[in-house]
Amino acid sequence: MYCGESHVGETAQPAHDRYQGYELPDLIQGRLVRRYKRFLADIELEDNRVVTAHCPNSGSMKGCAVPGSKVWISRSSNPRRKLKYTWEVTQVDGIFIGIIPWCQTGWSKRLWRTD
C-alpha cells in the first residue's frame, strides 16, 4: 500500500524496519488534537498525555490534519532536538497518509501491508 491508499476495515502493520538503508522508527499511536504554525501538532497519546510533535510537511494539509484523527508519531533519542516527536502518518476516513513529503516517492508502499 502507498500513501493515500488503504482498505477500510483492515489493519495496517509495519512490513519491516528498514527501507533502502533508512531505519524505520517505532511508531506511537495517538489522536490529533490540533496542527498549528505549519510545523507543530499536538497529539494525545493513549495514556492521555498530550505531546507536541514536529510536522515535517509545511503544506496546508487541509484534508489530512483533521482533529480527532488517528496519527502515528516517532520519538527521537537525539538530545539536541527541540521537539522529541515527529508526526509520521495519519489516518483519515480509513485512508493512511504519509506526512513526510518524501513519502510520496514510493518507499511507503513497502512500509505498510494489510493482513
N, C-alpha and C. Protein backbone atom coordinates (compact mmCIF):
# COMPACT_ATOMS: atom_id res chain seq x y z
N MET A 1 0.85 -1.17 0.00
CA MET A 1 0.00 0.00 0.00
C MET A 1 0.89 1.23 0.00
N TYR A 2 0.46 2.29 -0.59
CA TYR A 2 1.25 3.51 -0.61
C TYR A 2 0.44 4.67 -0.04
N CYS A 3 1.08 5.81 0.13
CA CYS A 3 0.40 6.97 0.72
C CYS A 3 -0.90 7.24 0.00
N GLY A 4 -1.96 7.41 0.78
CA GLY A 4 -3.24 7.71 0.20
C GLY A 4 -4.03 6.50 -0.22
N GLU A 5 -3.53 5.29 0.02
CA GLU A 5 -4.27 4.10 -0.36
C GLU A 5 -4.40 3.19 0.84
N SER A 6 -5.58 2.71 1.09
CA SER A 6 -5.84 1.81 2.21
C SER A 6 -7.08 1.01 1.90
N HIS A 7 -7.37 0.08 2.75
CA HIS A 7 -8.59 -0.68 2.67
C HIS A 7 -9.31 -0.52 3.98
N VAL A 8 -10.48 0.11 3.96
CA VAL A 8 -11.23 0.38 5.18
C VAL A 8 -11.52 -0.93 5.88
N GLY A 9 -11.34 -0.95 7.19
CA GLY A 9 -11.62 -2.12 7.99
C GLY A 9 -10.44 -3.05 8.16
N GLU A 10 -9.39 -2.87 7.38
CA GLU A 10 -8.20 -3.70 7.52
C GLU A 10 -7.18 -2.96 8.36
N THR A 11 -6.37 -3.71 9.06
CA THR A 11 -5.36 -3.13 9.94
C THR A 11 -4.02 -3.07 9.23
N ALA A 12 -3.39 -1.93 9.24
CA ALA A 12 -2.07 -1.79 8.64
C ALA A 12 -1.02 -2.15 9.68
N GLN A 13 0.02 -2.81 9.25
CA GLN A 13 1.11 -3.22 10.13
C GLN A 13 2.42 -2.84 9.45
N PRO A 14 3.43 -2.44 10.23
CA PRO A 14 4.72 -2.20 9.61
C PRO A 14 5.23 -3.48 8.94
N ALA A 15 5.67 -3.39 7.71
CA ALA A 15 6.12 -4.56 6.97
C ALA A 15 7.54 -4.97 7.36
N HIS A 16 8.39 -4.02 7.68
CA HIS A 16 9.75 -4.30 8.10
C HIS A 16 10.31 -3.04 8.73
N ASP A 17 11.52 -3.11 9.28
CA ASP A 17 12.05 -1.95 10.00
C ASP A 17 13.15 -1.20 9.25
N ARG A 18 13.42 -1.57 7.99
CA ARG A 18 14.41 -0.85 7.20
C ARG A 18 13.91 -0.70 5.77
N TYR A 19 14.27 0.40 5.16
CA TYR A 19 13.97 0.59 3.73
C TYR A 19 15.14 1.33 3.11
N GLN A 20 15.85 0.69 2.20
CA GLN A 20 17.00 1.26 1.48
C GLN A 20 17.94 2.01 2.41
N GLY A 21 18.30 1.37 3.51
CA GLY A 21 19.25 1.95 4.43
C GLY A 21 18.65 2.88 5.47
N TYR A 22 17.40 3.27 5.30
CA TYR A 22 16.75 4.15 6.27
C TYR A 22 16.12 3.30 7.36
N GLU A 23 16.48 3.54 8.59
CA GLU A 23 15.92 2.81 9.72
C GLU A 23 14.54 3.37 10.02
N LEU A 24 13.52 2.55 9.82
CA LEU A 24 12.16 3.00 10.08
C LEU A 24 11.94 3.08 11.59
N PRO A 25 11.38 4.18 12.06
CA PRO A 25 11.22 4.37 13.50
C PRO A 25 10.06 3.54 14.06
N ASP A 26 10.14 3.25 15.36
CA ASP A 26 8.99 2.68 16.04
C ASP A 26 7.92 3.75 16.09
N LEU A 27 6.69 3.37 15.87
CA LEU A 27 5.60 4.34 15.82
C LEU A 27 4.74 4.25 17.07
N ILE A 28 4.29 5.40 17.52
CA ILE A 28 3.42 5.54 18.70
C ILE A 28 2.10 6.08 18.20
N GLN A 29 1.02 5.40 18.54
CA GLN A 29 -0.30 5.83 18.07
C GLN A 29 -0.89 6.87 19.01
N GLY A 30 -1.61 7.81 18.41
CA GLY A 30 -2.30 8.83 19.18
C GLY A 30 -3.45 9.42 18.36
N ARG A 31 -3.98 10.52 18.85
CA ARG A 31 -5.05 11.25 18.16
C ARG A 31 -4.60 12.70 17.99
N LEU A 32 -4.87 13.25 16.81
CA LEU A 32 -4.51 14.64 16.56
C LEU A 32 -5.43 15.57 17.34
N VAL A 33 -4.84 16.44 18.13
CA VAL A 33 -5.60 17.47 18.83
C VAL A 33 -5.70 18.70 17.93
N ARG A 34 -4.54 19.16 17.43
CA ARG A 34 -4.53 20.30 16.51
C ARG A 34 -3.17 20.43 15.84
N ARG A 35 -3.17 21.03 14.67
CA ARG A 35 -1.94 21.38 13.97
C ARG A 35 -1.89 22.90 13.88
N TYR A 36 -0.74 23.48 14.15
CA TYR A 36 -0.64 24.93 14.15
C TYR A 36 0.78 25.38 13.78
N LYS A 37 0.90 26.62 13.38
CA LYS A 37 2.18 27.21 12.97
C LYS A 37 2.92 26.35 11.96
N ARG A 38 2.21 25.69 11.07
CA ARG A 38 2.74 24.86 9.98
C ARG A 38 3.56 23.66 10.44
N PHE A 39 4.42 23.80 11.42
CA PHE A 39 5.35 22.74 11.78
C PHE A 39 5.06 22.06 13.12
N LEU A 40 3.98 22.41 13.78
CA LEU A 40 3.68 21.86 15.11
C LEU A 40 2.33 21.16 15.12
N ALA A 41 2.26 20.09 15.90
CA ALA A 41 1.00 19.37 16.07
C ALA A 41 0.93 18.84 17.50
N ASP A 42 -0.21 19.05 18.14
CA ASP A 42 -0.43 18.47 19.46
C ASP A 42 -1.12 17.13 19.27
N ILE A 43 -0.56 16.10 19.90
CA ILE A 43 -1.03 14.74 19.76
C ILE A 43 -1.37 14.19 21.15
N GLU A 44 -2.58 13.63 21.28
CA GLU A 44 -2.96 12.99 22.54
C GLU A 44 -2.61 11.50 22.42
N LEU A 45 -1.78 11.03 23.35
CA LEU A 45 -1.36 9.64 23.34
C LEU A 45 -2.38 8.77 24.07
N GLU A 46 -2.21 7.46 23.98
CA GLU A 46 -3.16 6.53 24.58
C GLU A 46 -3.25 6.67 26.10
N ASP A 47 -2.18 7.19 26.74
CA ASP A 47 -2.21 7.39 28.20
C ASP A 47 -2.74 8.78 28.58
N ASN A 48 -3.36 9.46 27.62
CA ASN A 48 -3.98 10.79 27.77
C ASN A 48 -2.99 11.94 27.89
N ARG A 49 -1.68 11.68 27.78
CA ARG A 49 -0.72 12.78 27.74
C ARG A 49 -0.81 13.45 26.38
N VAL A 50 -0.60 14.76 26.35
CA VAL A 50 -0.55 15.48 25.08
C VAL A 50 0.90 15.92 24.86
N VAL A 51 1.44 15.54 23.68
CA VAL A 51 2.81 15.92 23.33
C VAL A 51 2.76 16.77 22.07
N THR A 52 3.78 17.59 21.91
CA THR A 52 3.90 18.40 20.69
C THR A 52 4.89 17.72 19.77
N ALA A 53 4.46 17.49 18.54
CA ALA A 53 5.30 16.81 17.55
C ALA A 53 5.64 17.77 16.41
N HIS A 54 6.81 17.54 15.84
CA HIS A 54 7.21 18.28 14.65
C HIS A 54 6.43 17.75 13.45
N CYS A 55 5.89 18.64 12.65
CA CYS A 55 5.18 18.26 11.42
C CYS A 55 6.10 18.62 10.25
N PRO A 56 6.73 17.62 9.62
CA PRO A 56 7.70 17.90 8.57
C PRO A 56 7.10 18.33 7.23
N ASN A 57 5.80 18.46 7.16
CA ASN A 57 5.14 18.89 5.93
C ASN A 57 4.63 20.31 6.12
N SER A 58 5.20 21.25 5.39
CA SER A 58 4.82 22.66 5.56
C SER A 58 3.61 23.06 4.72
N GLY A 59 3.06 22.12 3.96
CA GLY A 59 1.88 22.41 3.14
C GLY A 59 0.64 22.62 3.99
N SER A 60 -0.48 22.94 3.37
CA SER A 60 -1.70 23.23 4.13
C SER A 60 -2.26 21.99 4.82
N MET A 61 -2.12 20.82 4.21
CA MET A 61 -2.62 19.56 4.76
C MET A 61 -4.09 19.66 5.15
N LYS A 62 -4.84 20.44 4.41
CA LYS A 62 -6.23 20.74 4.74
C LYS A 62 -7.06 19.49 5.04
N GLY A 63 -6.97 18.46 4.23
CA GLY A 63 -7.75 17.26 4.46
C GLY A 63 -7.06 16.21 5.31
N CYS A 64 -5.81 16.45 5.67
CA CYS A 64 -5.03 15.46 6.42
C CYS A 64 -4.90 15.78 7.90
N ALA A 65 -5.14 17.01 8.27
CA ALA A 65 -4.95 17.44 9.66
C ALA A 65 -6.30 17.61 10.35
N VAL A 66 -7.08 16.54 10.36
CA VAL A 66 -8.42 16.58 10.93
C VAL A 66 -8.34 16.25 12.42
N PRO A 67 -8.71 17.20 13.30
CA PRO A 67 -8.67 16.90 14.74
C PRO A 67 -9.47 15.64 15.06
N GLY A 68 -8.89 14.80 15.92
CA GLY A 68 -9.51 13.54 16.30
C GLY A 68 -9.07 12.36 15.47
N SER A 69 -8.35 12.61 14.38
CA SER A 69 -7.88 11.53 13.51
C SER A 69 -6.79 10.72 14.21
N LYS A 70 -6.71 9.43 13.85
CA LYS A 70 -5.61 8.60 14.33
C LYS A 70 -4.33 9.08 13.68
N VAL A 71 -3.27 9.16 14.45
CA VAL A 71 -1.96 9.55 13.93
C VAL A 71 -0.91 8.64 14.54
N TRP A 72 0.23 8.56 13.89
CA TRP A 72 1.37 7.82 14.41
C TRP A 72 2.56 8.75 14.41
N ILE A 73 3.26 8.77 15.52
CA ILE A 73 4.43 9.62 15.67
C ILE A 73 5.63 8.75 16.04
N SER A 74 6.81 9.30 15.80
CA SER A 74 8.03 8.62 16.23
C SER A 74 8.70 9.49 17.29
N ARG A 75 9.52 8.85 18.11
CA ARG A 75 10.23 9.56 19.17
C ARG A 75 11.71 9.53 18.86
N SER A 76 12.35 10.68 18.91
CA SER A 76 13.78 10.78 18.64
C SER A 76 14.56 10.68 19.95
N SER A 77 15.71 10.02 19.88
CA SER A 77 16.59 9.95 21.05
C SER A 77 17.67 11.02 21.01
N ASN A 78 17.62 11.89 20.01
CA ASN A 78 18.61 12.95 19.86
C ASN A 78 18.36 14.03 20.92
N PRO A 79 19.26 14.21 21.88
CA PRO A 79 19.05 15.20 22.94
C PRO A 79 19.10 16.65 22.45
N ARG A 80 19.62 16.88 21.24
CA ARG A 80 19.73 18.24 20.71
C ARG A 80 18.47 18.71 19.99
N ARG A 81 17.53 17.79 19.76
CA ARG A 81 16.28 18.19 19.09
C ARG A 81 15.42 19.01 20.02
N LYS A 82 14.81 20.03 19.47
CA LYS A 82 13.88 20.85 20.25
C LYS A 82 12.61 20.07 20.58
N LEU A 83 12.08 19.34 19.59
CA LEU A 83 10.90 18.51 19.79
C LEU A 83 11.30 17.04 19.67
N LYS A 84 10.89 16.24 20.62
CA LYS A 84 11.29 14.83 20.64
C LYS A 84 10.47 13.97 19.69
N TYR A 85 9.33 14.46 19.24
CA TYR A 85 8.42 13.64 18.43
C TYR A 85 8.28 14.20 17.02
N THR A 86 8.04 13.29 16.05
CA THR A 86 7.78 13.66 14.66
C THR A 86 6.50 12.96 14.22
N TRP A 87 5.61 13.72 13.62
CA TRP A 87 4.36 13.18 13.07
C TRP A 87 4.71 12.48 11.77
N GLU A 88 4.44 11.17 11.70
CA GLU A 88 4.83 10.36 10.55
C GLU A 88 3.67 10.01 9.62
N VAL A 89 2.54 9.57 10.20
CA VAL A 89 1.42 9.04 9.42
C VAL A 89 0.12 9.48 10.06
N THR A 90 -0.89 9.71 9.25
CA THR A 90 -2.24 9.99 9.75
C THR A 90 -3.22 9.07 9.03
N GLN A 91 -4.37 8.87 9.64
CA GLN A 91 -5.43 8.08 9.00
C GLN A 91 -6.70 8.92 9.03
N VAL A 92 -7.23 9.19 7.84
CA VAL A 92 -8.46 9.97 7.70
C VAL A 92 -9.44 9.16 6.87
N ASP A 93 -10.63 8.93 7.39
CA ASP A 93 -11.65 8.15 6.69
C ASP A 93 -11.13 6.81 6.19
N GLY A 94 -10.32 6.14 7.03
CA GLY A 94 -9.80 4.82 6.68
C GLY A 94 -8.63 4.83 5.72
N ILE A 95 -8.13 5.99 5.36
CA ILE A 95 -7.01 6.10 4.42
C ILE A 95 -5.76 6.53 5.17
N PHE A 96 -4.66 5.80 4.98
CA PHE A 96 -3.38 6.15 5.59
C PHE A 96 -2.67 7.16 4.70
N ILE A 97 -2.14 8.20 5.33
CA ILE A 97 -1.48 9.28 4.59
C ILE A 97 -0.14 9.55 5.24
N GLY A 98 0.92 9.47 4.45
CA GLY A 98 2.26 9.79 4.95
C GLY A 98 2.42 11.29 5.06
N ILE A 99 2.90 11.75 6.20
CA ILE A 99 3.07 13.19 6.43
C ILE A 99 4.38 13.69 5.86
N ILE A 100 5.42 12.87 5.91
CA ILE A 100 6.73 13.29 5.44
C ILE A 100 6.68 13.42 3.92
N PRO A 101 7.09 14.58 3.37
CA PRO A 101 6.96 14.80 1.92
C PRO A 101 7.57 13.72 1.05
N TRP A 102 8.75 13.17 1.41
CA TRP A 102 9.36 12.16 0.55
C TRP A 102 8.64 10.83 0.62
N CYS A 103 7.62 10.72 1.45
CA CYS A 103 6.79 9.52 1.48
C CYS A 103 6.17 9.29 0.11
N GLN A 104 5.88 10.34 -0.60
CA GLN A 104 5.23 10.23 -1.89
C GLN A 104 6.13 9.61 -2.95
N THR A 105 7.42 9.42 -2.69
CA THR A 105 8.33 8.88 -3.70
C THR A 105 8.26 7.37 -3.83
N GLY A 106 7.53 6.71 -2.97
CA GLY A 106 7.33 5.28 -3.18
C GLY A 106 7.77 4.37 -2.06
N TRP A 107 8.55 4.87 -1.09
CA TRP A 107 9.01 3.96 -0.04
C TRP A 107 7.86 3.45 0.80
N SER A 108 6.80 4.22 0.90
CA SER A 108 5.70 3.84 1.79
C SER A 108 4.91 2.65 1.28
N LYS A 109 4.94 2.37 -0.02
CA LYS A 109 4.18 1.20 -0.49
C LYS A 109 4.78 -0.09 0.05
N ARG A 110 6.02 -0.05 0.50
CA ARG A 110 6.63 -1.21 1.14
C ARG A 110 6.57 -1.12 2.65
N LEU A 111 6.27 0.05 3.18
CA LEU A 111 6.23 0.24 4.63
C LEU A 111 5.02 -0.41 5.25
N TRP A 112 3.86 -0.31 4.59
CA TRP A 112 2.60 -0.80 5.17
C TRP A 112 2.08 -1.97 4.36
N ARG A 113 1.60 -2.95 5.07
CA ARG A 113 0.93 -4.08 4.42
C ARG A 113 -0.35 -4.32 5.20
N THR A 114 -1.34 -4.89 4.57
CA THR A 114 -2.58 -5.22 5.25
C THR A 114 -2.69 -6.72 5.40
N ASP A 115 -3.25 -7.13 6.52
CA ASP A 115 -3.48 -8.56 6.77
C ASP A 115 -4.92 -8.90 6.56
